[in-house]
Amino acid sequence: MSTAILTPTSNPPLVESHHQELTAAARRGAPIRRAARVASFNAWSSAIFAALSAPFALFSLAGLLVFAALAAVAWNEFRGRRRLLDFDPAGPSILGWNQLGLLAMIAVYCLWALYSNLWGGGSMEAQLRTNPQLSAAIGSMQGFDDLYRTIVILLYGSVIALSIVFQGANALYYFSRRKYVEAYLRETPAWVIDLERATRSA
Protein backbone atom coordinates (compact mmCIF):
# COMPACT_ATOMS: atom_id res chain seq x y z
CA MET A 1 0.00 0.00 0.00
CA SER A 2 1.51 3.28 -1.10
CA THR A 3 1.49 6.36 1.08
CA ALA A 4 0.86 9.76 -0.41
CA ILE A 5 3.55 12.29 0.34
CA LEU A 6 2.38 15.88 0.87
CA THR A 7 4.88 18.50 -0.09
CA PRO A 8 4.55 22.10 1.07
CA THR A 9 3.36 24.51 -1.55
CA SER A 10 6.04 26.71 -3.02
CA ASN A 11 3.68 29.69 -3.38
CA PRO A 12 2.05 30.63 -0.05
CA PRO A 13 -1.23 32.60 -0.28
CA LEU A 14 0.42 35.78 0.99
CA VAL A 15 3.99 36.73 0.29
CA GLU A 16 6.01 39.36 2.14
CA SER A 17 4.90 42.17 -0.18
CA HIS A 18 1.26 41.32 0.56
CA HIS A 19 1.86 41.57 4.29
CA GLN A 20 3.51 44.94 3.78
CA GLU A 21 0.53 46.18 1.78
CA LEU A 22 -1.87 44.98 4.49
CA THR A 23 0.18 46.71 7.17
CA ALA A 24 0.30 49.94 5.19
CA ALA A 25 -3.44 49.76 4.53
CA ALA A 26 -4.17 49.22 8.22
CA ARG A 27 -2.10 52.28 9.10
CA ARG A 28 -3.77 54.30 6.32
CA GLY A 29 -7.22 53.28 7.49
CA ALA A 30 -6.68 54.10 11.18
CA PRO A 31 -8.29 57.58 10.98
CA ILE A 32 -11.30 56.03 9.23
CA ARG A 33 -11.75 53.39 11.92
CA ARG A 34 -11.48 56.04 14.65
CA ALA A 35 -14.21 58.04 12.95
CA ALA A 36 -16.34 54.90 12.76
CA ARG A 37 -15.98 54.45 16.53
CA VAL A 38 -17.08 58.06 17.08
CA ALA A 39 -20.06 57.46 14.80
CA SER A 40 -20.94 54.29 16.72
CA PHE A 41 -20.95 56.21 20.02
CA ASN A 42 -23.09 59.00 18.56
CA ALA A 43 -25.48 56.53 16.94
CA TRP A 44 -26.07 54.52 20.09
CA SER A 45 -26.40 57.68 22.19
CA SER A 46 -29.09 59.00 19.83
CA ALA A 47 -30.83 55.63 19.81
CA ILE A 48 -30.91 55.53 23.63
CA PHE A 49 -32.32 59.05 23.86
CA ALA A 50 -34.89 58.15 21.21
CA ALA A 51 -35.95 55.12 23.27
CA LEU A 52 -36.20 57.23 26.43
CA SER A 53 -38.37 59.79 24.62
CA ALA A 54 -40.67 57.14 23.12
CA PRO A 55 -43.23 57.20 26.00
CA PHE A 56 -43.73 60.95 25.55
CA ALA A 57 -44.57 60.39 21.88
CA LEU A 58 -47.84 58.80 23.00
CA PHE A 59 -49.14 61.90 24.75
CA SER A 60 -48.12 64.97 22.76
CA LEU A 61 -47.23 66.11 19.26
CA ALA A 62 -44.01 67.67 20.55
CA GLY A 63 -43.02 64.34 22.13
CA LEU A 64 -43.74 62.52 18.88
CA LEU A 65 -41.62 64.98 16.89
CA VAL A 66 -38.70 64.69 19.33
CA PHE A 67 -38.85 60.89 19.19
CA ALA A 68 -39.02 60.85 15.38
CA ALA A 69 -36.13 63.32 15.07
CA LEU A 70 -33.86 61.37 17.43
CA ALA A 71 -34.72 58.06 15.75
CA ALA A 72 -33.91 59.55 12.34
CA VAL A 73 -30.58 60.89 13.61
CA ALA A 74 -29.65 57.49 15.08
CA TRP A 75 -30.59 55.65 11.87
CA ASN A 76 -28.63 58.09 9.71
CA GLU A 77 -25.59 57.84 12.01
CA PHE A 78 -25.58 54.05 11.70
CA ARG A 79 -25.98 54.40 7.91
CA GLY A 80 -23.09 56.85 7.67
CA ARG A 81 -20.91 54.58 9.79
CA ARG A 82 -21.55 51.63 7.47
CA ARG A 83 -20.70 53.74 4.42
CA LEU A 84 -17.55 54.95 6.16
CA LEU A 85 -16.38 51.40 6.88
CA ASP A 86 -17.06 50.54 3.23
CA PHE A 87 -14.66 53.36 2.30
CA ASP A 88 -17.44 55.26 0.58
CA PRO A 89 -16.49 58.97 0.30
CA ALA A 90 -20.15 59.82 0.88
CA GLY A 91 -19.95 58.35 4.40
CA PRO A 92 -18.22 61.32 6.06
CA SER A 93 -20.62 63.73 4.36
CA ILE A 94 -23.66 61.79 5.59
CA LEU A 95 -22.30 61.86 9.13
CA GLY A 96 -21.35 65.54 9.00
CA TRP A 97 -24.72 66.70 7.69
CA ASN A 98 -26.45 64.44 10.19
CA GLN A 99 -24.75 66.29 13.04
CA LEU A 100 -25.70 69.65 11.54
CA GLY A 101 -29.27 68.42 11.21
CA LEU A 102 -29.26 67.41 14.88
CA LEU A 103 -27.89 70.85 15.77
CA ALA A 104 -30.70 72.51 13.82
CA MET A 105 -33.33 70.36 15.54
CA ILE A 106 -31.95 71.14 19.00
CA ALA A 107 -31.86 74.86 18.21
CA VAL A 108 -35.45 74.85 16.92
CA TYR A 109 -36.68 72.96 20.00
CA CYS A 110 -34.89 75.34 22.38
CA LEU A 111 -36.19 78.43 20.58
CA TRP A 112 -39.71 77.02 20.71
CA ALA A 113 -39.29 76.28 24.43
CA LEU A 114 -38.00 79.82 25.02
CA TYR A 115 -40.99 81.33 23.26
CA SER A 116 -43.43 79.02 25.03
CA ASN A 117 -42.00 79.72 28.49
CA LEU A 118 -41.48 83.46 28.09
CA TRP A 119 -44.30 84.65 25.85
CA GLY A 120 -46.56 81.72 24.95
CA GLY A 121 -49.31 79.91 26.81
CA GLY A 122 -46.81 78.24 29.12
CA SER A 123 -45.17 81.48 30.24
CA MET A 124 -45.21 82.62 33.85
CA GLU A 125 -47.21 85.69 32.87
CA ALA A 126 -49.91 83.56 31.25
CA GLN A 127 -50.06 81.29 34.28
CA LEU A 128 -50.49 84.27 36.61
CA ARG A 129 -53.29 85.68 34.43
CA THR A 130 -55.24 82.42 34.48
CA ASN A 131 -54.62 81.68 38.19
CA PRO A 132 -55.51 84.67 40.40
CA GLN A 133 -54.61 82.74 43.56
CA LEU A 134 -51.14 82.02 42.22
CA SER A 135 -50.78 85.66 41.19
CA ALA A 136 -51.73 86.83 44.68
CA ALA A 137 -49.27 84.42 46.31
CA ILE A 138 -46.34 85.29 44.07
CA GLY A 139 -47.13 88.91 43.31
CA SER A 140 -45.42 90.11 46.44
CA MET A 141 -42.17 88.31 45.64
CA GLN A 142 -39.92 91.03 44.22
CA GLY A 143 -38.27 90.12 40.96
CA PHE A 144 -39.63 86.56 40.78
CA ASP A 145 -40.70 86.92 37.15
CA ASP A 146 -37.31 88.39 36.19
CA LEU A 147 -35.52 85.52 37.92
CA TYR A 148 -37.72 82.97 36.13
CA ARG A 149 -36.99 84.56 32.76
CA THR A 150 -33.26 84.63 33.46
CA ILE A 151 -33.20 80.94 34.40
CA VAL A 152 -35.15 79.96 31.29
CA ILE A 153 -32.90 82.00 28.99
CA LEU A 154 -29.74 80.65 30.61
CA LEU A 155 -31.00 77.05 30.45
CA TYR A 156 -32.03 76.92 26.81
CA GLY A 157 -29.33 79.33 25.69
CA SER A 158 -26.71 77.07 27.26
CA VAL A 159 -28.16 74.03 25.48
CA ILE A 160 -27.95 75.83 22.13
CA ALA A 161 -24.39 77.02 22.82
CA LEU A 162 -23.19 73.57 23.90
CA SER A 163 -24.85 71.98 20.87
CA ILE A 164 -23.11 74.43 18.55
CA VAL A 165 -19.78 73.45 20.10
CA PHE A 166 -20.38 69.68 20.30
CA GLN A 167 -22.41 69.00 17.14
CA GLY A 168 -20.43 71.60 15.21
CA ALA A 169 -17.13 69.99 16.22
CA ASN A 170 -18.49 66.55 15.32
CA ALA A 171 -19.61 67.78 11.91
CA LEU A 172 -16.22 69.34 11.15
CA TYR A 173 -14.48 66.16 12.30
CA TYR A 174 -16.62 63.99 10.04
CA PHE A 175 -16.21 66.26 7.02
CA SER A 176 -12.43 66.20 7.51
CA ARG A 177 -12.40 62.39 7.26
CA ARG A 178 -13.34 62.45 3.57
CA LYS A 179 -9.74 63.14 2.55
CA TYR A 180 -8.61 60.01 4.42
CA VAL A 181 -11.21 57.88 2.65
CA GLU A 182 -10.18 59.27 -0.73
CA ALA A 183 -6.49 58.72 0.06
CA TYR A 184 -7.24 55.15 1.16
CA LEU A 185 -9.05 54.39 -2.10
CA ARG A 186 -6.30 56.04 -4.14
CA GLU A 187 -3.30 54.41 -2.46
CA THR A 188 -4.61 50.98 -1.45
CA PRO A 189 -4.64 47.97 -3.83
CA ALA A 190 -8.11 46.83 -4.85
CA TRP A 191 -7.66 43.35 -3.37
CA VAL A 192 -6.88 44.85 0.05
CA ILE A 193 -9.97 47.07 -0.11
CA ASP A 194 -12.13 44.08 -1.05
CA LEU A 195 -10.64 42.06 1.81
CA GLU A 196 -11.27 44.87 4.32
CA ARG A 197 -14.88 45.24 3.17
CA ALA A 198 -15.46 41.49 3.34
CA THR A 199 -13.99 41.06 6.82
CA ARG A 200 -15.10 44.29 8.52
CA SER A 201 -17.25 43.99 11.63
CA ALA A 202 -20.88 45.02 11.29
C-alpha atoms as a PDB file:
ATOM      1  CA  MET A   1       0.000   0.000   0.000  1.00  0.00           C
ATOM      2  CA  SER A   2       1.515   3.284  -1.105  1.00  0.00           C
ATOM      3  CA  THR A   3       1.489   6.361   1.082  1.00  0.00           C
ATOM      4  CA  ALA A   4       0.860   9.764  -0.406  1.00  0.00           C
ATOM      5  CA  ILE A   5       3.548  12.293   0.338  1.00  0.00           C
ATOM      6  CA  LEU A   6       2.384  15.876   0.866  1.00  0.00           C
ATOM      7  CA  THR A   7       4.876  18.499  -0.091  1.00  0.00           C
ATOM      8  CA  PRO A   8       4.550  22.102   1.075  1.00  0.00           C
ATOM      9  CA  THR A   9       3.359  24.513  -1.551  1.00  0.00           C
ATOM     10  CA  SER A  10       6.036  26.706  -3.020  1.00  0.00           C
ATOM     11  CA  ASN A  11       3.682  29.690  -3.378  1.00  0.00           C
ATOM     12  CA  PRO A  12       2.050  30.631  -0.049  1.00  0.00           C
ATOM     13  CA  PRO A  13      -1.225  32.603  -0.276  1.00  0.00           C
ATOM     14  CA  LEU A  14       0.422  35.776   0.994  1.00  0.00           C
ATOM     15  CA  VAL A  15       3.987  36.733   0.294  1.00  0.00           C
ATOM     16  CA  GLU A  16       6.011  39.363   2.142  1.00  0.00           C
ATOM     17  CA  SER A  17       4.898  42.169  -0.176  1.00  0.00           C
ATOM     18  CA  HIS A  18       1.259  41.317   0.557  1.00  0.00           C
ATOM     19  CA  HIS A  19       1.864  41.574   4.294  1.00  0.00           C
ATOM     20  CA  GLN A  20       3.514  44.940   3.782  1.00  0.00           C
ATOM     21  CA  GLU A  21       0.533  46.179   1.781  1.00  0.00           C
ATOM     22  CA  LEU A  22      -1.872  44.978   4.486  1.00  0.00           C
ATOM     23  CA  THR A  23       0.176  46.714   7.173  1.00  0.00           C
ATOM     24  CA  ALA A  24       0.301  49.942   5.189  1.00  0.00           C
ATOM     25  CA  ALA A  25      -3.441  49.763   4.531  1.00  0.00           C
ATOM     26  CA  ALA A  26      -4.169  49.222   8.215  1.00  0.00           C
ATOM     27  CA  ARG A  27      -2.097  52.282   9.098  1.00  0.00           C
ATOM     28  CA  ARG A  28      -3.766  54.304   6.322  1.00  0.00           C
ATOM     29  CA  GLY A  29      -7.221  53.278   7.492  1.00  0.00           C
ATOM     30  CA  ALA A  30      -6.675  54.096  11.182  1.00  0.00           C
ATOM     31  CA  PRO A  31      -8.292  57.583  10.985  1.00  0.00           C
ATOM     32  CA  ILE A  32     -11.295  56.030   9.229  1.00  0.00           C
ATOM     33  CA  ARG A  33     -11.745  53.392  11.918  1.00  0.00           C
ATOM     34  CA  ARG A  34     -11.479  56.035  14.652  1.00  0.00           C
ATOM     35  CA  ALA A  35     -14.212  58.043  12.955  1.00  0.00           C
ATOM     36  CA  ALA A  36     -16.339  54.904  12.757  1.00  0.00           C
ATOM     37  CA  ARG A  37     -15.980  54.449  16.533  1.00  0.00           C
ATOM     38  CA  VAL A  38     -17.082  58.058  17.082  1.00  0.00           C
ATOM     39  CA  ALA A  39     -20.062  57.455  14.799  1.00  0.00           C
ATOM     40  CA  SER A  40     -20.943  54.292  16.716  1.00  0.00           C
ATOM     41  CA  PHE A  41     -20.953  56.209  20.018  1.00  0.00           C
ATOM     42  CA  ASN A  42     -23.088  58.997  18.556  1.00  0.00           C
ATOM     43  CA  ALA A  43     -25.483  56.532  16.937  1.00  0.00           C
ATOM     44  CA  TRP A  44     -26.073  54.524  20.092  1.00  0.00           C
ATOM     45  CA  SER A  45     -26.401  57.683  22.186  1.00  0.00           C
ATOM     46  CA  SER A  46     -29.089  59.004  19.827  1.00  0.00           C
ATOM     47  CA  ALA A  47     -30.832  55.630  19.815  1.00  0.00           C
ATOM     48  CA  ILE A  48     -30.909  55.526  23.630  1.00  0.00           C
ATOM     49  CA  PHE A  49     -32.318  59.053  23.860  1.00  0.00           C
ATOM     50  CA  ALA A  50     -34.893  58.150  21.214  1.00  0.00           C
ATOM     51  CA  ALA A  51     -35.946  55.117  23.268  1.00  0.00           C
ATOM     52  CA  LEU A  52     -36.198  57.226  26.432  1.00  0.00           C
ATOM     53  CA  SER A  53     -38.370  59.788  24.625  1.00  0.00           C
ATOM     54  CA  ALA A  54     -40.675  57.141  23.119  1.00  0.00           C
ATOM     55  CA  PRO A  55     -43.232  57.197  26.000  1.00  0.00           C
ATOM     56  CA  PHE A  56     -43.731  60.953  25.555  1.00  0.00           C
ATOM     57  CA  ALA A  57     -44.574  60.392  21.880  1.00  0.00           C
ATOM     58  CA  LEU A  58     -47.845  58.798  22.998  1.00  0.00           C
ATOM     59  CA  PHE A  59     -49.145  61.897  24.752  1.00  0.00           C
ATOM     60  CA  SER A  60     -48.120  64.967  22.758  1.00  0.00           C
ATOM     61  CA  LEU A  61     -47.232  66.105  19.264  1.00  0.00           C
ATOM     62  CA  ALA A  62     -44.010  67.670  20.551  1.00  0.00           C
ATOM     63  CA  GLY A  63     -43.018  64.341  22.130  1.00  0.00           C
ATOM     64  CA  LEU A  64     -43.743  62.521  18.877  1.00  0.00           C
ATOM     65  CA  LEU A  65     -41.625  64.978  16.890  1.00  0.00           C
ATOM     66  CA  VAL A  66     -38.701  64.692  19.327  1.00  0.00           C
ATOM     67  CA  PHE A  67     -38.849  60.891  19.191  1.00  0.00           C
ATOM     68  CA  ALA A  68     -39.023  60.849  15.376  1.00  0.00           C
ATOM     69  CA  ALA A  69     -36.132  63.318  15.066  1.00  0.00           C
ATOM     70  CA  LEU A  70     -33.858  61.365  17.426  1.00  0.00           C
ATOM     71  CA  ALA A  71     -34.725  58.057  15.751  1.00  0.00           C
ATOM     72  CA  ALA A  72     -33.911  59.550  12.339  1.00  0.00           C
ATOM     73  CA  VAL A  73     -30.584  60.895  13.614  1.00  0.00           C
ATOM     74  CA  ALA A  74     -29.648  57.487  15.080  1.00  0.00           C
ATOM     75  CA  TRP A  75     -30.590  55.652  11.868  1.00  0.00           C
ATOM     76  CA  ASN A  76     -28.626  58.093   9.715  1.00  0.00           C
ATOM     77  CA  GLU A  77     -25.594  57.842  12.015  1.00  0.00           C
ATOM     78  CA  PHE A  78     -25.584  54.053  11.701  1.00  0.00           C
ATOM     79  CA  ARG A  79     -25.982  54.403   7.911  1.00  0.00           C
ATOM     80  CA  GLY A  80     -23.087  56.848   7.666  1.00  0.00           C
ATOM     81  CA  ARG A  81     -20.906  54.584   9.789  1.00  0.00           C
ATOM     82  CA  ARG A  82     -21.549  51.628   7.472  1.00  0.00           C
ATOM     83  CA  ARG A  83     -20.703  53.741   4.420  1.00  0.00           C
ATOM     84  CA  LEU A  84     -17.548  54.950   6.156  1.00  0.00           C
ATOM     85  CA  LEU A  85     -16.383  51.403   6.876  1.00  0.00           C
ATOM     86  CA  ASP A  86     -17.064  50.536   3.233  1.00  0.00           C
ATOM     87  CA  PHE A  87     -14.657  53.359   2.298  1.00  0.00           C
ATOM     88  CA  ASP A  88     -17.438  55.264   0.575  1.00  0.00           C
ATOM     89  CA  PRO A  89     -16.488  58.968   0.299  1.00  0.00           C
ATOM     90  CA  ALA A  90     -20.149  59.819   0.882  1.00  0.00           C
ATOM     91  CA  GLY A  91     -19.954  58.349   4.403  1.00  0.00           C
ATOM     92  CA  PRO A  92     -18.218  61.321   6.061  1.00  0.00           C
ATOM     93  CA  SER A  93     -20.623  63.734   4.356  1.00  0.00           C
ATOM     94  CA  ILE A  94     -23.658  61.792   5.588  1.00  0.00           C
ATOM     95  CA  LEU A  95     -22.295  61.865   9.132  1.00  0.00           C
ATOM     96  CA  GLY A  96     -21.348  65.536   8.999  1.00  0.00           C
ATOM     97  CA  TRP A  97     -24.719  66.700   7.691  1.00  0.00           C
ATOM     98  CA  ASN A  98     -26.446  64.438  10.187  1.00  0.00           C
ATOM     99  CA  GLN A  99     -24.746  66.288  13.037  1.00  0.00           C
ATOM    100  CA  LEU A 100     -25.696  69.652  11.540  1.00  0.00           C
ATOM    101  CA  GLY A 101     -29.274  68.417  11.215  1.00  0.00           C
ATOM    102  CA  LEU A 102     -29.257  67.405  14.884  1.00  0.00           C
ATOM    103  CA  LEU A 103     -27.886  70.846  15.769  1.00  0.00           C
ATOM    104  CA  ALA A 104     -30.696  72.513  13.821  1.00  0.00           C
ATOM    105  CA  MET A 105     -33.331  70.359  15.540  1.00  0.00           C
ATOM    106  CA  ILE A 106     -31.951  71.142  19.000  1.00  0.00           C
ATOM    107  CA  ALA A 107     -31.859  74.863  18.211  1.00  0.00           C
ATOM    108  CA  VAL A 108     -35.455  74.854  16.923  1.00  0.00           C
ATOM    109  CA  TYR A 109     -36.675  72.960  19.998  1.00  0.00           C
ATOM    110  CA  CYS A 110     -34.885  75.340  22.384  1.00  0.00           C
ATOM    111  CA  LEU A 111     -36.189  78.435  20.577  1.00  0.00           C
ATOM    112  CA  TRP A 112     -39.712  77.016  20.708  1.00  0.00           C
ATOM    113  CA  ALA A 113     -39.288  76.281  24.430  1.00  0.00           C
ATOM    114  CA  LEU A 114     -38.000  79.819  25.023  1.00  0.00           C
ATOM    115  CA  TYR A 115     -40.993  81.327  23.255  1.00  0.00           C
ATOM    116  CA  SER A 116     -43.430  79.018  25.032  1.00  0.00           C
ATOM    117  CA  ASN A 117     -42.000  79.719  28.486  1.00  0.00           C
ATOM    118  CA  LEU A 118     -41.477  83.457  28.092  1.00  0.00           C
ATOM    119  CA  TRP A 119     -44.299  84.650  25.849  1.00  0.00           C
ATOM    120  CA  GLY A 120     -46.558  81.716  24.954  1.00  0.00           C
ATOM    121  CA  GLY A 121     -49.306  79.907  26.809  1.00  0.00           C
ATOM    122  CA  GLY A 122     -46.810  78.240  29.122  1.00  0.00           C
ATOM    123  CA  SER A 123     -45.174  81.478  30.238  1.00  0.00           C
ATOM    124  CA  MET A 124     -45.210  82.617  33.854  1.00  0.00           C
ATOM    125  CA  GLU A 125     -47.209  85.695  32.874  1.00  0.00           C
ATOM    126  CA  ALA A 126     -49.914  83.563  31.249  1.00  0.00           C
ATOM    127  CA  GLN A 127     -50.058  81.291  34.283  1.00  0.00           C
ATOM    128  CA  LEU A 128     -50.488  84.273  36.605  1.00  0.00           C
ATOM    129  CA  ARG A 129     -53.292  85.679  34.426  1.00  0.00           C
ATOM    130  CA  THR A 130     -55.237  82.417  34.477  1.00  0.00           C
ATOM    131  CA  ASN A 131     -54.619  81.679  38.187  1.00  0.00           C
ATOM    132  CA  PRO A 132     -55.511  84.666  40.396  1.00  0.00           C
ATOM    133  CA  GLN A 133     -54.610  82.740  43.557  1.00  0.00           C
ATOM    134  CA  LEU A 134     -51.137  82.023  42.221  1.00  0.00           C
ATOM    135  CA  SER A 135     -50.780  85.657  41.195  1.00  0.00           C
ATOM    136  CA  ALA A 136     -51.729  86.832  44.682  1.00  0.00           C
ATOM    137  CA  ALA A 137     -49.268  84.425  46.310  1.00  0.00           C
ATOM    138  CA  ILE A 138     -46.335  85.286  44.067  1.00  0.00           C
ATOM    139  CA  GLY A 139     -47.131  88.905  43.310  1.00  0.00           C
ATOM    140  CA  SER A 140     -45.418  90.106  46.442  1.00  0.00           C
ATOM    141  CA  MET A 141     -42.174  88.310  45.637  1.00  0.00           C
ATOM    142  CA  GLN A 142     -39.915  91.027  44.225  1.00  0.00           C
ATOM    143  CA  GLY A 143     -38.271  90.117  40.960  1.00  0.00           C
ATOM    144  CA  PHE A 144     -39.631  86.558  40.776  1.00  0.00           C
ATOM    145  CA  ASP A 145     -40.703  86.916  37.147  1.00  0.00           C
ATOM    146  CA  ASP A 146     -37.313  88.393  36.189  1.00  0.00           C
ATOM    147  CA  LEU A 147     -35.523  85.516  37.917  1.00  0.00           C
ATOM    148  CA  TYR A 148     -37.717  82.969  36.134  1.00  0.00           C
ATOM    149  CA  ARG A 149     -36.987  84.561  32.758  1.00  0.00           C
ATOM    150  CA  THR A 150     -33.255  84.630  33.464  1.00  0.00           C
ATOM    151  CA  ILE A 151     -33.205  80.943  34.403  1.00  0.00           C
ATOM    152  CA  VAL A 152     -35.154  79.957  31.288  1.00  0.00           C
ATOM    153  CA  ILE A 153     -32.904  82.000  28.991  1.00  0.00           C
ATOM    154  CA  LEU A 154     -29.738  80.647  30.609  1.00  0.00           C
ATOM    155  CA  LEU A 155     -30.997  77.051  30.453  1.00  0.00           C
ATOM    156  CA  TYR A 156     -32.032  76.918  26.815  1.00  0.00           C
ATOM    157  CA  GLY A 157     -29.329  79.329  25.694  1.00  0.00           C
ATOM    158  CA  SER A 158     -26.708  77.065  27.259  1.00  0.00           C
ATOM    159  CA  VAL A 159     -28.162  74.026  25.482  1.00  0.00           C
ATOM    160  CA  ILE A 160     -27.955  75.833  22.135  1.00  0.00           C
ATOM    161  CA  ALA A 161     -24.392  77.022  22.815  1.00  0.00           C
ATOM    162  CA  LEU A 162     -23.188  73.575  23.895  1.00  0.00           C
ATOM    163  CA  SER A 163     -24.846  71.982  20.867  1.00  0.00           C
ATOM    164  CA  ILE A 164     -23.107  74.429  18.549  1.00  0.00           C
ATOM    165  CA  VAL A 165     -19.781  73.448  20.100  1.00  0.00           C
ATOM    166  CA  PHE A 166     -20.383  69.676  20.298  1.00  0.00           C
ATOM    167  CA  GLN A 167     -22.412  69.000  17.145  1.00  0.00           C
ATOM    168  CA  GLY A 168     -20.428  71.599  15.212  1.00  0.00           C
ATOM    169  CA  ALA A 169     -17.129  69.990  16.217  1.00  0.00           C
ATOM    170  CA  ASN A 170     -18.493  66.553  15.325  1.00  0.00           C
ATOM    171  CA  ALA A 171     -19.610  67.778  11.908  1.00  0.00           C
ATOM    172  CA  LEU A 172     -16.220  69.344  11.155  1.00  0.00           C
ATOM    173  CA  TYR A 173     -14.480  66.164  12.297  1.00  0.00           C
ATOM    174  CA  TYR A 174     -16.622  63.991  10.043  1.00  0.00           C
ATOM    175  CA  PHE A 175     -16.211  66.259   7.017  1.00  0.00           C
ATOM    176  CA  SER A 176     -12.434  66.205   7.507  1.00  0.00           C
ATOM    177  CA  ARG A 177     -12.404  62.388   7.263  1.00  0.00           C
ATOM    178  CA  ARG A 178     -13.340  62.448   3.574  1.00  0.00           C
ATOM    179  CA  LYS A 179      -9.739  63.142   2.550  1.00  0.00           C
ATOM    180  CA  TYR A 180      -8.614  60.009   4.420  1.00  0.00           C
ATOM    181  CA  VAL A 181     -11.209  57.877   2.653  1.00  0.00           C
ATOM    182  CA  GLU A 182     -10.185  59.267  -0.732  1.00  0.00           C
ATOM    183  CA  ALA A 183      -6.493  58.720   0.062  1.00  0.00           C
ATOM    184  CA  TYR A 184      -7.235  55.154   1.161  1.00  0.00           C
ATOM    185  CA  LEU A 185      -9.048  54.393  -2.104  1.00  0.00           C
ATOM    186  CA  ARG A 186      -6.300  56.037  -4.144  1.00  0.00           C
ATOM    187  CA  GLU A 187      -3.305  54.409  -2.459  1.00  0.00           C
ATOM    188  CA  THR A 188      -4.609  50.976  -1.449  1.00  0.00           C
ATOM    189  CA  PRO A 189      -4.643  47.968  -3.827  1.00  0.00           C
ATOM    190  CA  ALA A 190      -8.112  46.833  -4.854  1.00  0.00           C
ATOM    191  CA  TRP A 191      -7.662  43.354  -3.375  1.00  0.00           C
ATOM    192  CA  VAL A 192      -6.882  44.855   0.045  1.00  0.00           C
ATOM    193  CA  ILE A 193      -9.972  47.068  -0.105  1.00  0.00           C
ATOM    194  CA  ASP A 194     -12.133  44.075  -1.048  1.00  0.00           C
ATOM    195  CA  LEU A 195     -10.640  42.065   1.811  1.00  0.00           C
ATOM    196  CA  GLU A 196     -11.272  44.867   4.317  1.00  0.00           C
ATOM    197  CA  ARG A 197     -14.883  45.237   3.169  1.00  0.00           C
ATOM    198  CA  ALA A 198     -15.463  41.493   3.337  1.00  0.00           C
ATOM    199  CA  THR A 199     -13.985  41.059   6.819  1.00  0.00           C
ATOM    200  CA  ARG A 200     -15.099  44.294   8.518  1.00  0.00           C
ATOM    201  CA  SER A 201     -17.246  43.991  11.633  1.00  0.00           C
ATOM    202  CA  ALA A 202     -20.883  45.024  11.286  1.00  0.00           C
END
